C-alpha cells in the first residue's frame, strides 16, 4: 500500500485561495511563505513542493485569474453589432471584477504588470475585446488602430472597476459612471458622419 499523498489538489487550492486573499489585501513583500502556509493550513514544504516558491504561487494565482476572466469574456456571443458586443464585453468585465474582487486585485492591482504593446495570445483576456474591435473596424463603425482603441477601453474599464472595488463609488454612481464612460469611450472612436 502506497503512502498517502499529502500535498494534493485540496492543499493546492487552499494555498491559492490564501494567496489570492493575502496578495489582494497586503503589500506583496509583506506576504511570507510561512504566513501563506499558515493561512492555508499547510506546511511551507507543501508550498515549495507544489509551486517551487512564492513566485510560483503568485504565477498560479495570476494564471487562474487570467483563465477565469478569459472564460467569461469568451462566453459573450458575437453578434451582427460589434459596438453592442463591445459594450457587452465591458459589462462582463465589470461583473467578473466585482464577483472576483481578490483575483481582480491580484491581476491588475500591482502584482501583475500590463504591457499594452505585447502580443495577444490565445488565452489572453484582451483577445475577445481585440476581436470585437477588429470586427467594428472592418464594418467601418470605428476608426483608428486596434491596440490604442483596446487600451483606451481597458483603461476606462479598469479605472471604473478599481474605484468601485475600493468603495469610492456607491452603486448608483458606479452604474451611471460605467454606462456613460464606456459609451463615451466607444463614441470617441466611432466614425462620425460627414
Protein backbone atom coordinates (compact mmCIF):
# COMPACT_ATOMS: atom_id res chain seq x y z
CA UNK A 1 0.00 0.00 0.00
CA UNK A 2 1.40 3.37 -1.04
CA UNK A 3 1.94 6.32 1.23
CA UNK A 4 -1.00 8.79 1.10
CA UNK A 5 -0.35 11.94 -0.87
CA UNK A 6 -0.31 14.91 1.49
CA UNK A 7 0.14 17.75 -0.98
CA UNK A 8 -2.94 17.11 -3.07
CA UNK A 9 -5.30 19.34 -5.06
CA UNK A 10 -7.14 20.37 -1.89
CA UNK A 11 -3.91 21.73 -0.39
CA UNK A 12 -3.07 23.41 -3.70
CA UNK A 13 -6.48 25.08 -3.79
CA UNK A 14 -6.22 26.25 -0.17
CA UNK A 15 -2.80 27.78 -0.87
CA UNK A 16 -4.09 29.54 -3.98
CA UNK A 17 -7.13 30.88 -2.11
CA UNK A 18 -4.98 32.10 0.80
CA UNK A 19 -2.50 33.70 -1.59
CA UNK A 20 -5.27 35.37 -3.58
CA UNK A 21 -6.73 37.00 -0.49
CA UNK A 22 -3.37 37.94 1.02
CA UNK A 23 -1.90 39.41 -2.17
CA UNK A 24 -5.12 41.37 -2.75
CA UNK A 25 -5.15 42.87 0.74
CA UNK A 26 -1.47 43.28 1.69
CA UNK A 27 1.73 44.54 0.08
CA UNK A 28 3.36 41.63 -1.74
CA UNK A 29 6.67 41.96 0.10
CA UNK A 30 4.88 41.56 3.46
CA UNK A 31 3.41 38.18 2.49
CA UNK A 32 5.76 35.46 3.62
CA UNK A 33 5.82 31.78 2.69
CA UNK A 34 5.17 30.92 6.33
CA UNK A 35 2.15 33.26 6.50
CA UNK A 36 0.74 31.78 3.28
CA UNK A 37 1.19 28.22 4.53
CA UNK A 38 -0.34 29.03 7.91
CA UNK A 39 -3.36 30.75 6.33
CA UNK A 40 -3.92 27.68 4.14
CA UNK A 41 -3.46 25.20 6.96
CA UNK A 42 -0.49 23.72 5.14
CA UNK A 43 3.24 23.44 5.64
CA UNK A 44 5.86 25.59 3.98
CA UNK A 45 7.17 22.34 2.47
CA UNK A 46 3.79 21.91 0.76
CA UNK A 47 4.08 25.35 -0.84
CA UNK A 48 7.61 24.65 -2.06
CA UNK A 49 6.62 21.18 -3.26
CA UNK A 50 3.56 22.37 -5.18
CA UNK A 51 4.75 25.75 -6.51
CA UNK A 52 8.53 25.88 -6.19
CA UNK A 53 8.46 29.19 -4.31
CA UNK A 54 6.31 32.23 -3.58
CA UNK A 55 6.70 33.50 -7.15
CA UNK A 56 5.39 30.17 -8.43
CA UNK A 57 2.32 30.58 -6.24
CA UNK A 58 1.83 34.16 -7.49
CA UNK A 59 2.03 32.80 -11.06
CA UNK A 60 -0.65 30.21 -10.26
CA UNK A 61 -2.97 32.88 -8.83
CA UNK A 62 -2.38 35.02 -11.90
CA UNK A 63 -2.99 32.10 -14.26
CA UNK A 64 -6.28 31.29 -12.54
CA UNK A 65 -7.38 34.91 -12.74
CA UNK A 66 -6.44 35.17 -16.42
CA UNK A 67 -8.23 31.90 -17.24
CA UNK A 68 -11.38 32.91 -15.36
CA UNK A 69 -11.60 36.35 -16.94
CA UNK A 70 -10.88 34.92 -20.39
CA UNK A 71 -13.56 32.26 -19.94
CA UNK A 72 -16.22 34.80 -19.01
CA UNK A 73 -15.27 37.27 -21.75
CA UNK A 74 -15.12 34.48 -24.35
CA UNK A 75 -18.66 33.46 -23.42
CA UNK A 76 -20.03 36.81 -24.65
CA UNK A 77 -21.60 35.99 -28.01
CA UNK A 78 -20.52 37.81 -31.15
CA UNK A 79 -23.50 39.39 -32.90
CA UNK A 80 -24.01 41.46 -36.03
CA UNK A 81 -23.46 44.61 -33.95
CA UNK A 82 -19.79 44.84 -32.86
CA UNK A 83 -20.44 48.04 -30.89
CA UNK A 84 -23.12 46.29 -28.83
CA UNK A 85 -20.68 43.41 -28.39
CA UNK A 86 -18.03 45.79 -27.08
CA UNK A 87 -20.49 47.13 -24.52
CA UNK A 88 -21.48 43.57 -23.55
CA UNK A 89 -17.79 42.73 -23.05
CA UNK A 90 -17.45 45.79 -20.82
CA UNK A 91 -20.43 44.68 -18.73
CA UNK A 92 -18.95 41.19 -18.40
CA UNK A 93 -15.53 42.57 -17.43
CA UNK A 94 -17.09 44.70 -14.70
CA UNK A 95 -19.24 41.82 -13.41
CA UNK A 96 -16.22 39.49 -13.29
CA UNK A 97 -14.20 42.08 -11.37
CA UNK A 98 -16.99 42.56 -8.85
CA UNK A 99 -17.58 38.82 -8.41
CA UNK A 100 -13.85 38.01 -8.14
CA UNK A 101 -12.56 41.11 -6.40
CA UNK A 102 -9.47 39.49 -4.90
CA UNK A 103 -8.48 37.80 -8.16
CA UNK A 104 -9.08 41.09 -9.98
CA UNK A 105 -6.97 43.00 -7.49
CA UNK A 106 -4.13 40.49 -7.75
CA UNK A 107 -4.32 40.50 -11.54
CA UNK A 108 -4.49 44.26 -12.01
CA UNK A 109 -3.58 45.80 -8.66
CA UNK A 110 0.19 45.79 -8.87
CA UNK A 111 1.27 42.15 -8.63
CA UNK A 112 0.86 41.68 -12.38
CA UNK A 113 2.30 44.05 -14.96
CA UNK A 114 0.48 45.08 -18.12
CA UNK A 115 2.23 45.55 -21.45
CA UNK A 116 -0.13 47.24 -23.94
CA UNK A 117 2.33 46.66 -26.78
CA UNK A 118 2.57 42.95 -26.05
CA UNK A 119 1.34 40.19 -28.32
CA UNK A 120 -2.20 38.95 -27.64
CA UNK A 121 -2.09 35.21 -27.02
CA UNK A 122 -4.83 32.62 -27.45
CA UNK A 123 -5.95 32.67 -23.80
CA UNK A 124 -5.38 36.37 -23.19
CA UNK A 125 -8.45 38.10 -21.71
CA UNK A 126 -7.92 41.01 -24.10
CA UNK A 127 -8.45 38.73 -27.14
CA UNK A 128 -12.31 38.97 -27.15
CA UNK A 129 -12.01 42.77 -26.94
CA UNK A 130 -9.49 42.88 -29.78
CA UNK A 131 -11.66 40.62 -31.94
CA UNK A 132 -14.74 42.80 -31.39
CA UNK A 133 -12.72 45.94 -32.21
CA UNK A 134 -11.40 44.29 -35.38
CA UNK A 135 -14.98 43.48 -36.43
CA UNK A 136 -16.06 47.06 -35.71
CA UNK A 137 -13.14 48.42 -37.75
CA UNK A 138 -13.95 46.05 -40.64
CA UNK A 139 -17.56 47.25 -40.56
CA UNK A 140 -16.32 50.88 -40.60
CA UNK A 141 -18.01 51.56 -37.26
CA UNK A 142 -14.77 52.58 -35.54
CA UNK A 143 -11.78 54.48 -36.81
CA UNK A 144 -8.24 54.07 -35.53
CA UNK A 145 -5.90 51.21 -34.72
CA UNK A 146 -6.83 48.13 -32.72
CA UNK A 147 -4.39 48.39 -29.80
CA UNK A 148 -4.91 52.11 -28.99
CA UNK A 149 -8.68 51.51 -29.04
CA UNK A 150 -8.34 48.41 -26.85
CA UNK A 151 -6.08 50.26 -24.43
CA UNK A 152 -8.49 53.20 -24.09
CA UNK A 153 -11.41 50.85 -23.44
CA UNK A 154 -9.37 48.85 -20.91
CA UNK A 155 -8.15 51.99 -19.11
CA UNK A 156 -11.74 53.22 -18.81
CA UNK A 157 -12.99 49.86 -17.52
CA UNK A 158 -10.06 49.32 -15.19
CA UNK A 159 -10.38 52.77 -13.63
CA UNK A 160 -14.09 52.33 -13.04
CA UNK A 161 -13.78 48.82 -11.62
CA UNK A 162 -10.88 49.75 -9.32
CA UNK A 163 -12.80 52.76 -7.98
CA UNK A 164 -15.85 50.58 -7.43
CA UNK A 165 -13.88 47.83 -5.68
CA UNK A 166 -12.18 50.42 -3.47
CA UNK A 167 -15.60 51.66 -2.36
CA UNK A 168 -15.06 55.11 -3.85
CA UNK A 169 -18.33 54.89 -5.81
CA UNK A 170 -21.71 53.86 -4.44
CA UNK A 171 -23.78 51.51 -6.61
CA UNK A 172 -25.94 54.20 -8.22
CA UNK A 173 -22.95 56.40 -9.04
CA UNK A 174 -20.93 53.40 -10.27
CA UNK A 175 -23.77 52.26 -12.55
CA UNK A 176 -24.20 55.73 -14.07
CA UNK A 177 -20.45 56.31 -14.41
CA UNK A 178 -19.96 52.92 -16.01
CA UNK A 179 -22.59 53.38 -18.70
CA UNK A 180 -21.70 56.98 -19.56
CA UNK A 181 -17.92 56.41 -19.51
CA UNK A 182 -17.94 53.24 -21.59
CA UNK A 183 -20.33 54.73 -24.14
CA UNK A 184 -18.28 57.95 -24.32
CA UNK A 185 -15.05 55.99 -24.82
CA UNK A 186 -16.59 53.98 -27.65
CA UNK A 187 -18.14 57.12 -29.14
CA UNK A 188 -14.69 58.73 -29.21
CA UNK A 189 -13.53 56.03 -31.65
CA UNK A 190 -16.75 55.91 -33.67
CA UNK A 191 -16.72 57.02 -37.29
CA UNK A 192 -18.50 60.35 -37.40
CA UNK A 193 -20.87 61.05 -40.31
CA UNK A 194 -19.61 63.76 -42.65
